[in-house]
Protein backbone atom coordinates (compact mmCIF):
# COMPACT_ATOMS: atom_id res chain seq x y z
CA MET A 1 45.60 29.78 -21.30
CA ARG A 2 45.57 26.40 -19.62
CA LYS A 3 48.74 27.31 -17.65
CA PHE A 4 47.18 30.61 -16.50
CA GLY A 5 44.04 28.83 -15.34
CA LEU A 6 46.06 26.34 -13.31
CA SER A 7 48.10 29.15 -11.71
CA LEU A 8 44.93 31.02 -10.81
CA MET A 9 43.50 27.88 -9.20
CA VAL A 10 46.64 27.45 -7.09
CA VAL A 11 46.48 31.08 -5.95
CA LEU A 12 42.80 30.80 -5.07
CA LEU A 13 43.41 27.56 -3.19
CA ALA A 14 46.21 29.12 -1.16
CA LEU A 15 44.00 32.12 -0.43
CA ALA A 16 41.15 29.86 0.64
CA LEU A 17 43.41 28.00 3.03
CA THR A 18 44.66 31.24 4.52
CA ILE A 19 41.19 32.74 4.88
CA GLY A 20 39.80 29.46 6.18
CA VAL A 21 41.38 29.88 9.60
CA ALA A 22 39.36 33.08 10.07
CA GLY A 23 36.17 31.06 9.84
CA ALA A 24 35.07 30.23 13.36
CA LYS A 25 34.46 26.57 12.65
CA THR A 26 37.49 25.84 10.46
CA LEU A 27 40.61 24.49 12.11
CA VAL A 28 43.93 24.49 10.25
CA VAL A 29 46.82 22.35 11.45
CA GLY A 30 50.38 22.78 10.17
CA PHE A 31 52.07 19.39 9.79
CA ASP A 32 55.72 18.69 9.12
CA ASP A 33 55.09 15.80 6.73
CA ASP A 34 52.51 14.57 4.25
CA LEU A 35 50.54 11.36 4.29
CA VAL A 36 52.18 8.36 2.69
CA THR A 37 48.88 6.72 1.69
CA LEU A 38 45.12 6.88 2.01
CA ASP A 39 45.00 3.23 3.02
CA PRO A 40 44.73 2.79 6.81
CA ALA A 41 46.33 -0.66 6.65
CA ASP A 42 49.41 0.23 4.65
CA PHE A 43 51.63 2.54 6.65
CA SER A 44 53.87 2.96 9.64
CA HIS A 45 53.89 6.74 9.89
CA ARG A 46 52.50 8.97 12.62
CA GLN A 47 51.43 11.86 10.44
CA THR A 48 49.43 9.50 8.26
CA GLU A 49 47.84 8.00 11.36
CA ALA A 50 46.83 11.41 12.72
CA MET A 51 45.18 12.49 9.48
CA LEU A 52 43.44 9.23 8.57
CA ARG A 53 42.09 8.91 12.13
CA GLN A 54 39.77 11.82 11.35
CA VAL A 55 38.08 9.72 8.65
CA PHE A 56 38.44 6.17 9.93
CA GLU A 57 37.83 4.71 13.38
CA GLY A 58 38.92 1.61 15.20
CA VAL A 59 36.94 -0.76 17.36
CA SER A 60 38.60 1.16 20.19
CA THR A 61 41.05 4.04 20.59
CA TYR A 62 43.52 5.64 22.99
CA MET A 63 42.81 8.95 24.67
CA PRO A 64 45.60 11.46 25.55
CA ASP A 65 45.71 10.10 29.12
CA ARG A 66 46.33 6.61 27.61
CA ASP A 67 42.91 5.32 28.61
CA ILE A 68 41.32 3.01 26.05
CA VAL A 69 37.73 3.82 25.07
CA MET A 70 35.37 1.94 22.77
CA GLU A 71 34.65 3.34 19.31
CA LEU A 72 33.05 0.96 16.79
CA ALA A 73 32.83 -1.80 19.38
CA VAL A 74 30.73 -1.72 22.51
CA SER A 75 32.91 -4.41 24.09
CA ILE A 76 36.06 -6.48 23.49
CA GLU A 77 36.40 -9.45 25.81
CA ALA A 78 38.31 -12.72 26.01
CA ILE A 79 35.85 -15.61 26.05
CA ASP A 80 38.69 -18.14 26.36
CA PRO A 81 42.51 -17.83 26.34
CA THR A 82 42.74 -17.79 22.53
CA THR A 83 39.45 -16.17 21.51
CA TYR A 84 38.36 -12.55 21.82
CA GLU A 85 34.80 -11.48 21.15
CA ILE A 86 34.06 -8.08 19.64
CA ILE A 87 30.51 -6.77 19.85
CA VAL A 88 30.11 -4.22 17.06
CA ARG A 89 28.20 -0.99 17.68
CA GLU A 90 24.80 -0.96 15.95
CA GLY A 91 23.40 1.97 13.99
CA VAL A 92 26.75 3.20 12.61
CA GLU A 93 26.93 4.26 8.96
CA PHE A 94 29.88 4.65 6.64
CA HIS A 95 30.18 7.98 4.88
CA ASP A 96 28.55 6.46 1.78
CA GLY A 97 25.43 5.60 3.78
CA SER A 98 26.04 1.86 4.08
CA SER A 99 25.68 0.25 7.50
CA LEU A 100 28.62 -1.01 9.55
CA THR A 101 28.38 -4.72 10.39
CA ALA A 102 30.57 -7.48 11.74
CA GLN A 103 31.48 -8.31 8.13
CA ASP A 104 33.29 -4.97 7.76
CA VAL A 105 35.16 -5.38 11.05
CA ALA A 106 36.26 -8.94 10.24
CA TYR A 107 37.25 -7.95 6.69
CA SER A 108 39.33 -5.00 7.91
CA LEU A 109 41.16 -7.05 10.54
CA ASN A 110 41.78 -10.03 8.23
CA ARG A 111 43.19 -7.65 5.66
CA ILE A 112 45.81 -6.74 8.27
CA ILE A 113 46.30 -10.19 9.82
CA GLN A 114 46.54 -12.39 6.75
CA GLU A 115 49.56 -12.73 4.50
CA GLY A 116 49.12 -11.19 1.05
CA ALA A 117 45.62 -9.90 1.81
CA MET A 118 46.28 -6.48 0.27
CA ALA A 119 46.39 -7.29 -3.44
CA GLY A 120 49.23 -9.70 -2.77
CA ARG A 121 51.01 -7.57 -0.21
CA THR A 122 51.00 -8.02 3.56
CA SER A 123 50.03 -5.10 5.80
CA GLN A 124 52.83 -3.15 7.44
CA ARG A 125 50.66 -3.21 10.57
CA ARG A 126 50.61 -7.01 10.80
CA GLY A 127 53.14 -7.04 13.67
CA LEU A 128 50.74 -5.06 15.87
CA MET A 129 48.29 -7.96 15.87
CA GLY A 130 50.66 -10.43 17.55
CA PRO A 131 49.55 -14.10 17.29
CA THR A 132 46.06 -13.23 15.98
CA ARG A 133 45.26 -15.76 13.24
CA GLU A 134 41.84 -14.82 11.93
CA ALA A 135 38.73 -12.70 12.42
CA VAL A 136 35.51 -14.71 12.07
CA VAL A 137 31.97 -13.35 11.66
CA VAL A 138 29.64 -14.95 14.21
CA ASP A 139 26.52 -12.92 13.47
CA GLU A 140 25.62 -9.46 12.17
CA TYR A 141 27.27 -7.65 15.07
CA THR A 142 29.65 -10.22 16.57
CA VAL A 143 33.22 -11.01 15.55
CA HIS A 144 35.56 -13.57 17.07
CA LEU A 145 39.31 -13.06 16.89
CA LEU A 146 41.16 -16.40 16.94
CA LEU A 147 44.72 -16.47 18.32
CA ASP A 148 47.45 -19.08 17.88
CA ASN A 149 48.30 -18.76 21.55
CA PRO A 150 47.11 -16.70 24.54
CA TRP A 151 47.88 -13.00 24.13
CA PRO A 152 46.44 -10.75 26.85
CA LEU A 153 47.82 -7.69 25.06
CA LEU A 154 45.28 -7.77 22.25
CA PRO A 155 42.98 -5.12 23.82
CA ARG A 156 46.00 -2.79 24.08
CA PHE A 157 47.05 -3.24 20.45
CA ILE A 158 43.80 -3.48 18.53
CA PRO A 159 43.27 0.32 18.93
CA TRP A 160 46.00 0.75 16.30
CA GLN A 161 43.84 -0.74 13.55
CA MET A 162 41.17 1.11 11.58
CA ILE A 163 37.97 -0.24 10.07
CA ILE A 164 37.03 0.11 6.41
CA SER A 165 34.10 -1.12 4.34
CA SER A 166 34.30 -4.70 3.07
CA GLU A 167 33.23 -3.27 -0.30
CA VAL A 168 36.84 -2.19 -0.91
CA GLY A 169 37.67 -5.72 -2.06
CA ASP A 170 41.12 -7.12 -2.77
CA GLY A 171 42.91 -3.85 -3.41
CA TYR A 172 44.00 -0.56 -1.92
CA VAL A 173 41.91 2.20 -0.43
CA GLU A 174 41.90 5.05 -2.93
CA ASP A 175 38.64 6.68 -1.87
CA PRO A 176 38.70 6.89 1.95
CA VAL A 177 35.20 6.11 3.18
CA GLY A 178 35.11 5.54 6.91
CA THR A 179 32.74 5.98 9.83
CA GLY A 180 34.67 8.80 11.49
CA PRO A 181 33.58 12.26 12.63
CA PHE A 182 34.93 13.85 9.46
CA VAL A 183 34.40 13.01 5.80
CA PHE A 184 37.28 13.05 3.32
CA GLU A 185 37.16 16.01 0.93
CA GLU A 186 40.52 16.12 -0.84
CA TRP A 187 44.21 15.37 -0.67
CA VAL A 188 46.67 17.43 -2.70
CA ARG A 189 50.07 15.80 -2.27
CA GLY A 190 52.60 18.05 -0.60
CA SER A 191 49.97 20.72 0.02
CA HIS A 192 47.02 19.75 2.21
CA PHE A 193 44.58 17.10 3.40
CA THR A 194 41.04 18.37 4.01
CA VAL A 195 38.05 16.79 5.74
CA VAL A 196 34.61 18.16 6.56
CA ARG A 197 32.16 17.44 9.36
CA ASN A 198 30.22 14.19 9.16
CA GLU A 199 26.66 15.41 9.57
CA ASN A 200 25.49 11.83 10.21
CA TYR A 201 28.14 10.89 12.72
CA TRP A 202 26.98 8.21 15.16
CA GLY A 203 28.54 10.04 18.11
CA GLU A 204 28.37 13.67 19.12
CA LYS A 205 28.66 15.73 15.96
CA PRO A 206 31.91 17.73 15.79
CA PHE A 207 31.74 21.45 16.37
CA ILE A 208 34.39 21.99 13.69
CA GLU A 209 32.93 22.17 10.18
CA ARG A 210 36.16 21.89 8.21
CA LEU A 211 39.56 20.56 9.24
CA VAL A 212 42.59 21.29 7.08
CA PHE A 213 46.03 19.75 7.52
CA ARG A 214 48.54 21.94 5.71
CA ILE A 215 51.86 20.33 4.88
CA ILE A 216 54.64 22.76 5.83
CA GLY A 217 57.86 20.79 5.98
CA ASP A 218 60.13 23.69 6.81
CA GLU A 219 59.91 24.35 10.54
CA SER A 220 60.60 28.09 10.19
CA ALA A 221 57.79 28.43 7.66
CA ARG A 222 55.50 26.43 9.95
CA VAL A 223 56.21 28.74 12.88
CA SER A 224 55.78 31.82 10.67
CA ALA A 225 52.37 30.55 9.54
CA LEU A 226 51.36 30.13 13.19
CA ARG A 227 52.49 33.64 14.07
CA ALA A 228 50.63 35.06 11.07
CA GLY A 229 47.41 33.33 12.11
CA GLU A 230 47.36 31.20 8.95
CA ILE A 231 47.24 27.99 10.99
CA ASP A 232 45.76 27.22 14.40
CA ILE A 233 48.15 24.47 15.50
CA ALA A 234 51.76 23.89 14.49
CA THR A 235 53.39 20.53 15.15
CA PHE A 236 57.03 19.88 16.04
CA ILE A 237 57.95 23.37 17.18
CA PRO A 238 61.77 23.72 17.33
CA VAL A 239 62.99 24.39 20.86
CA HIS A 240 64.70 27.64 19.95
CA GLU A 241 61.29 29.10 19.04
CA ILE A 242 59.62 28.31 22.37
CA GLU A 243 60.57 31.49 24.22
CA SER A 244 59.46 33.87 21.49
CA LEU A 245 56.20 31.99 20.93
CA GLU A 246 55.42 32.06 24.63
CA GLU A 247 55.70 35.86 24.46
CA HIS A 248 53.20 36.03 21.59
CA PRO A 249 49.80 37.24 22.92
CA ASP A 250 47.79 34.86 20.71
CA ILE A 251 49.83 31.66 21.03
CA ASN A 252 50.17 28.98 23.68
CA VAL A 253 52.99 26.43 23.69
CA VAL A 254 52.11 22.94 24.91
CA SER A 255 54.25 19.82 25.06
CA VAL A 256 54.04 16.15 25.90
CA LEU A 257 56.71 13.52 26.45
CA GLY A 258 56.74 11.60 23.20
CA THR A 259 56.88 7.87 22.68
CA ARG A 260 59.82 7.74 20.27
CA SER A 261 63.12 6.46 21.68
CA PHE A 262 66.44 7.56 20.21
CA PHE A 263 69.58 5.43 20.18
CA LEU A 264 72.75 4.57 18.27
CA GLU A 265 72.81 0.92 17.15
CA MET A 266 76.17 -0.78 16.76
CA ASN A 267 76.64 -3.90 14.63
CA VAL A 268 77.73 -6.21 17.45
CA ASN A 269 78.96 -8.86 15.00
CA LYS A 270 81.40 -6.63 13.10
CA PRO A 271 84.78 -5.43 14.40
CA PRO A 272 85.43 -3.29 16.31
CA PHE A 273 81.88 -3.34 17.73
CA ASP A 274 82.01 -7.06 18.42
CA ASP A 275 84.11 -6.09 21.46
CA ILE A 276 82.02 -4.98 24.45
CA ARG A 277 84.83 -2.67 25.57
CA VAL A 278 84.46 -0.69 22.35
CA ARG A 279 80.70 -0.49 22.78
CA LYS A 280 81.13 0.79 26.33
CA ALA A 281 83.71 3.29 25.10
CA MET A 282 81.17 4.64 22.60
CA ASN A 283 78.74 5.22 25.47
CA TYR A 284 81.33 6.97 27.65
CA ALA A 285 82.53 9.14 24.75
CA ILE A 286 79.16 10.75 24.00
CA ASP A 287 78.06 13.55 26.31
CA LEU A 288 74.30 13.09 26.14
CA GLU A 289 73.47 15.82 28.65
CA THR A 290 75.21 18.37 26.43
CA ALA A 291 73.68 16.91 23.28
CA ILE A 292 70.18 17.18 24.76
CA GLU A 293 70.82 20.78 25.77
CA VAL A 294 72.17 21.71 22.33
CA LEU A 295 69.56 19.85 20.29
CA TYR A 296 66.51 20.20 22.52
CA GLU A 297 67.37 22.89 25.09
CA GLY A 298 66.61 20.31 27.74
CA MET A 299 63.27 19.22 26.24
CA ALA A 300 64.22 15.54 26.16
CA THR A 301 64.52 12.88 28.85
CA ARG A 302 67.53 10.57 29.08
CA ILE A 303 66.84 6.86 29.21
CA PRO A 304 69.23 4.11 30.38
CA PHE A 305 67.72 1.65 27.91
CA ILE A 306 65.23 2.01 25.02
CA LEU A 307 62.00 2.22 27.03
CA SER A 308 60.30 5.48 27.87
CA PRO A 309 59.92 6.28 31.59
CA LYS A 310 56.18 6.05 30.92
CA ALA A 311 56.41 2.55 29.44
CA PHE A 312 55.22 -0.64 31.11
CA SER A 313 58.11 -2.36 32.97
CA TYR A 314 60.50 0.59 32.59
CA HIS A 315 63.54 -0.36 34.70
CA ASP A 316 64.52 2.61 36.87
CA GLY A 317 67.41 0.68 38.43
CA LEU A 318 69.60 0.66 35.32
CA GLU A 319 72.62 2.96 35.43
CA PHE A 320 73.42 5.67 32.93
CA PHE A 321 76.81 5.88 31.24
CA ASP A 322 78.19 9.19 32.45
CA TYR A 323 80.35 11.18 30.06
CA ASP A 324 83.92 10.04 30.68
CA PRO A 325 86.31 10.38 27.71
CA ALA A 326 89.27 9.19 29.80
CA GLN A 327 87.43 5.96 30.59
CA ALA A 328 86.52 5.62 26.91
CA MET A 329 90.16 5.92 25.81
CA GLU A 330 91.27 3.42 28.45
CA LEU A 331 88.72 0.89 27.18
CA LEU A 332 89.74 1.47 23.57
CA ALA A 333 93.38 0.83 24.46
CA GLU A 334 92.44 -2.39 26.27
CA ALA A 335 90.51 -3.52 23.20
CA GLY A 336 93.52 -2.94 20.94
CA TYR A 337 92.56 0.48 19.54
CA PRO A 338 94.84 2.93 21.36
CA GLU A 339 94.73 5.29 18.38
CA GLY A 340 91.01 4.85 17.86
CA PHE A 341 89.40 3.64 14.62
CA THR A 342 87.22 4.77 11.72
CA PHE A 343 83.62 3.73 11.09
CA GLU A 344 80.65 4.77 8.96
CA LEU A 345 77.56 6.15 10.68
CA ASP A 346 74.27 5.78 8.80
CA VAL A 347 71.69 8.49 9.39
CA VAL A 348 68.67 10.10 7.74
CA ASP A 349 68.72 13.81 7.09
CA ALA A 350 66.46 14.63 10.06
CA HIS A 351 69.16 13.33 12.43
CA ARG A 352 72.15 14.87 10.65
CA SER A 353 72.73 17.55 13.33
CA ARG A 354 72.72 14.90 16.04
CA ALA A 355 75.19 12.83 14.03
CA GLU A 356 77.56 15.78 13.64
CA ILE A 357 77.51 16.49 17.39
CA TYR A 358 78.39 12.85 18.12
CA GLN A 359 81.05 12.94 15.43
CA ALA A 360 82.78 15.83 17.23
CA MET A 361 82.52 14.11 20.62
CA LEU A 362 83.88 10.79 19.35
CA SER A 363 86.83 12.54 17.71
CA VAL A 364 88.02 13.58 21.19
CA VAL A 365 88.81 9.93 21.97
CA GLY A 366 90.31 9.21 18.57
CA ILE A 367 87.25 7.73 16.85
CA ASP A 368 86.81 9.00 13.28
CA THR A 369 83.14 9.04 12.27
CA ARG A 370 82.24 9.18 8.59
CA ILE A 371 78.59 10.16 8.23
CA ARG A 372 76.50 8.54 5.49
CA THR A 373 73.17 10.32 4.98
CA TRP A 374 70.30 8.33 3.49
CA PRO A 375 67.31 9.98 1.77
CA THR A 376 64.73 8.10 3.87
CA TRP A 377 64.59 5.81 6.88
CA GLY A 378 63.28 3.08 4.58
CA ALA A 379 66.34 3.34 2.34
CA ALA A 380 68.66 3.01 5.34
CA ARG A 381 66.63 0.10 6.73
CA ASP A 382 66.72 -1.75 3.41
CA ALA A 383 70.48 -1.25 3.14
CA TRP A 384 71.01 -2.68 6.62
CA MET A 385 68.78 -5.68 6.03
CA ALA A 386 70.32 -6.43 2.64
CA ALA A 387 73.83 -6.21 4.12
CA LYS A 388 72.93 -8.79 6.77
CA GLU A 389 72.97 -11.40 4.00
CA GLN A 390 76.59 -10.54 3.20
CA PRO A 391 79.81 -11.59 4.96
CA VAL A 392 80.20 -9.68 8.22
CA GLU A 393 83.01 -7.48 6.86
CA GLU A 394 80.59 -6.15 4.21
CA GLN A 395 77.81 -5.32 6.65
CA ARG A 396 76.93 -1.84 7.88
CA ASP A 397 78.67 -0.37 10.95
CA VAL A 398 76.42 1.87 13.05
CA PHE A 399 72.89 3.25 12.61
CA LEU A 400 71.80 6.47 14.36
CA ASN A 401 68.18 5.59 14.69
CA ASP A 402 64.89 5.93 16.55
CA TRP A 403 61.82 3.77 17.07
CA GLY A 404 58.27 4.70 17.98
CA ASN A 405 56.60 2.97 20.92
CA ALA A 406 53.18 4.58 20.87
CA SER A 407 51.63 1.72 22.85
CA LEU A 408 54.17 2.30 25.66
CA ASP A 409 54.39 -1.48 25.94
CA PRO A 410 57.72 -3.25 25.30
CA PHE A 411 55.99 -5.58 22.84
CA ASP A 412 56.49 -3.26 19.89
CA ILE A 413 59.95 -1.89 20.71
CA PHE A 414 61.88 -4.28 22.97
CA ILE A 415 61.02 -7.44 21.02
CA PRO A 416 61.61 -6.08 17.49
CA LYS A 417 64.89 -4.43 18.51
CA PHE A 418 66.46 -7.30 20.48
CA HIS A 419 64.94 -10.64 19.52
CA SER A 420 67.39 -12.56 17.32
CA GLU A 421 64.83 -13.71 14.73
CA VAL A 422 65.43 -11.42 11.74
CA PRO A 423 63.14 -11.12 9.87
CA GLY A 424 60.40 -12.12 12.26
CA LEU A 425 60.07 -11.12 15.89
CA GLY A 426 63.31 -9.16 15.58
CA ARG A 427 62.16 -7.19 12.54
CA GLY A 428 64.01 -4.07 13.73
CA ASN A 429 67.13 -5.74 15.10
CA PHE A 430 69.71 -3.89 13.04
CA SER A 431 72.50 -4.41 15.58
CA GLY A 432 72.45 -8.19 15.10
CA TYR A 433 72.15 -8.69 18.85
CA ALA A 434 71.43 -12.32 19.79
CA ASN A 435 71.13 -13.81 23.25
CA PRO A 436 69.19 -17.08 23.78
CA GLU A 437 68.22 -16.11 27.31
CA VAL A 438 66.82 -12.79 26.13
CA ASP A 439 64.95 -14.55 23.31
CA SER A 440 63.40 -16.93 25.84
CA LEU A 441 62.35 -14.12 28.17
CA LEU A 442 60.84 -12.09 25.36
CA GLU A 443 58.95 -15.09 24.00
CA HIS A 444 57.63 -15.77 27.51
CA THR A 445 56.07 -12.30 27.58
CA LEU A 446 54.05 -13.14 24.46
CA ALA A 447 52.15 -15.93 26.20
CA ALA A 448 52.18 -14.75 29.82
CA THR A 449 48.65 -14.24 31.11
CA GLU A 450 49.54 -11.98 34.03
CA ASP A 451 51.06 -8.49 33.89
CA GLN A 452 53.39 -9.36 36.78
CA GLU A 453 54.86 -12.24 34.76
CA ARG A 454 55.51 -9.95 31.83
CA PHE A 455 56.88 -7.22 34.09
CA GLU A 456 59.45 -9.53 35.67
CA ALA A 457 60.52 -11.08 32.35
CA PHE A 458 61.00 -7.67 30.74
CA GLN A 459 62.91 -6.37 33.77
CA THR A 460 65.34 -9.31 33.66
CA ALA A 461 65.77 -9.01 29.90
CA GLN A 462 66.51 -5.29 30.26
CA GLU A 463 69.28 -6.03 32.74
CA ILE A 464 70.90 -8.55 30.38
CA VAL A 465 70.75 -6.35 27.27
CA HIS A 466 71.88 -3.28 29.19
CA ALA A 467 74.95 -5.19 30.39
CA ASP A 468 75.75 -6.26 26.80
CA VAL A 469 75.60 -2.62 25.57
CA PRO A 470 74.57 -3.12 21.93
CA MET A 471 73.61 0.55 21.69
CA VAL A 472 74.36 4.00 22.91
CA PHE A 473 71.12 4.53 24.82
CA GLU A 474 69.99 8.13 24.39
CA PHE A 475 66.66 9.82 25.17
CA VAL A 476 62.96 10.33 24.54
CA ALA A 477 62.19 13.77 23.12
CA HIS A 478 59.29 15.98 24.11
CA GLU A 479 56.86 16.87 21.32
CA ILE A 480 56.12 20.58 21.23
CA TYR A 481 53.09 22.27 19.68
CA GLY A 482 52.21 25.89 19.09
CA VAL A 483 48.47 26.54 19.51
CA ASN A 484 46.45 29.63 18.68
CA GLN A 485 44.68 30.75 21.84
CA ARG A 486 41.28 30.52 20.15
CA VAL A 487 41.67 26.74 20.45
CA LYS A 488 40.76 26.04 24.06
CA ASN A 489 41.81 23.04 26.15
CA TRP A 490 43.25 20.99 23.31
CA GLU A 491 45.52 18.33 24.79
CA PRO A 492 48.25 16.68 22.72
CA SER A 493 48.56 12.92 22.89
CA PRO A 494 51.89 11.09 23.41
CA ASP A 495 51.16 8.98 20.33
CA SER A 496 50.29 12.00 18.13
CA ARG A 497 46.59 11.14 17.84
CA MET A 498 44.45 14.26 17.46
CA HIS A 499 40.89 13.99 18.73
CA PHE A 500 39.63 17.16 17.11
CA HIS A 501 36.00 16.04 17.09
CA LEU A 502 36.08 16.22 20.90
CA LEU A 503 36.98 19.93 20.98
CA GLY A 504 33.28 20.78 21.11
CA VAL A 505 32.79 24.42 22.08
CA ASP A 506 36.36 24.61 23.34
CA ILE A 507 37.29 26.27 20.07
CA GLU A 508 36.13 29.88 20.18
CA GLU A 509 33.65 31.14 17.63
């Protein structure tokens, strides 16, 4: 009897989700992945960010055009080189009815800034706060952020943090109570995340009454749900579905250049990749134009380094490695590998197709690629970091990887990928690349007070790293969405934020 009751509940829930999209003021979004947590300080995951942003807000936020607008702050200003003042918005209530004050803002930021502040653990988002040392309450609506050294980037990076109630205490957020336009209703792992309109929202009250994020990992099933009208928006539409969706009378296809860079990292300290000729040969042996056409049908943009063309200080003077297998074989012979060599390529399942394409291309020049698939990116990362403590011959070979740069500032991609301090500033430096001049230039950007100083330092550092070729530099992919035509004028954001409370009457009744 108990089993029958549970089955009936599941059926009714599925039916409710399907019918929900027919309700004029319910919006259903099909996501490719579930949340990893309900705690806004304990993740590095875009899907989690997009969902939790409906419930929680920051002191400021990014809009789709990359403009920064104030949310829970009315101003954020530097009052001296190492102190920023945040004036907190008055009259804002959390979903439980308690009032937002400077205490909540300082608590939330210190929970991210300070070591071990999350029940003994340190926030995964700590790196996004740079040299910020502490948040101090000045009065009921004023917070001072104290920095160890000048950091003009703080206003560009604080939008990545969300504010919670100080009542949470020294633990994890299990009951998400924010100030956002929507109130948390329920999360069923692997199924859906549902929020409802905040009737007491401090800003303009959302037009949407209920917002449902359905977790549909299989891309074909996600597209089918969109076609059937079961969801209003489908994320990560595969390129081979674009043409047929564009022909559908009720669906629009929209895209935006993403902020995730793709690349192949070589362990520059381990033979044969300690030889720059081999690293150049790897670049010449991979036909990226063909790979982009096969994988993305052209919906990706090649990059000569790791920065997006939209990023601050993107260097448009760097040359691409054109596909040239003859040149690759010549370089391999010069390096002492006339018959090629064998290596192991680490990859997560999502990039398996890309790995197999590269495997076929590398075989043309005699390089035998053995693909090792890891269950998650975290598992691959941990294996690489653990191996760094071993003798070089026991370290990993090559990692087919990607890295998000949602800020479009080199701070959170260039520095972690190429600074030699691992762990530390170079927290994502899997290749083991180390160059004192590059370290110095990158460190200079952390304290530079003028954008021009940072621009010039990053440009020079790009030229040096590009010449050392520690990677096969690949592309930035476009993010493609399918949208039911009843949703009017919704604009995707490069960083995957979804400002659904701003749809207003743009969603048809």
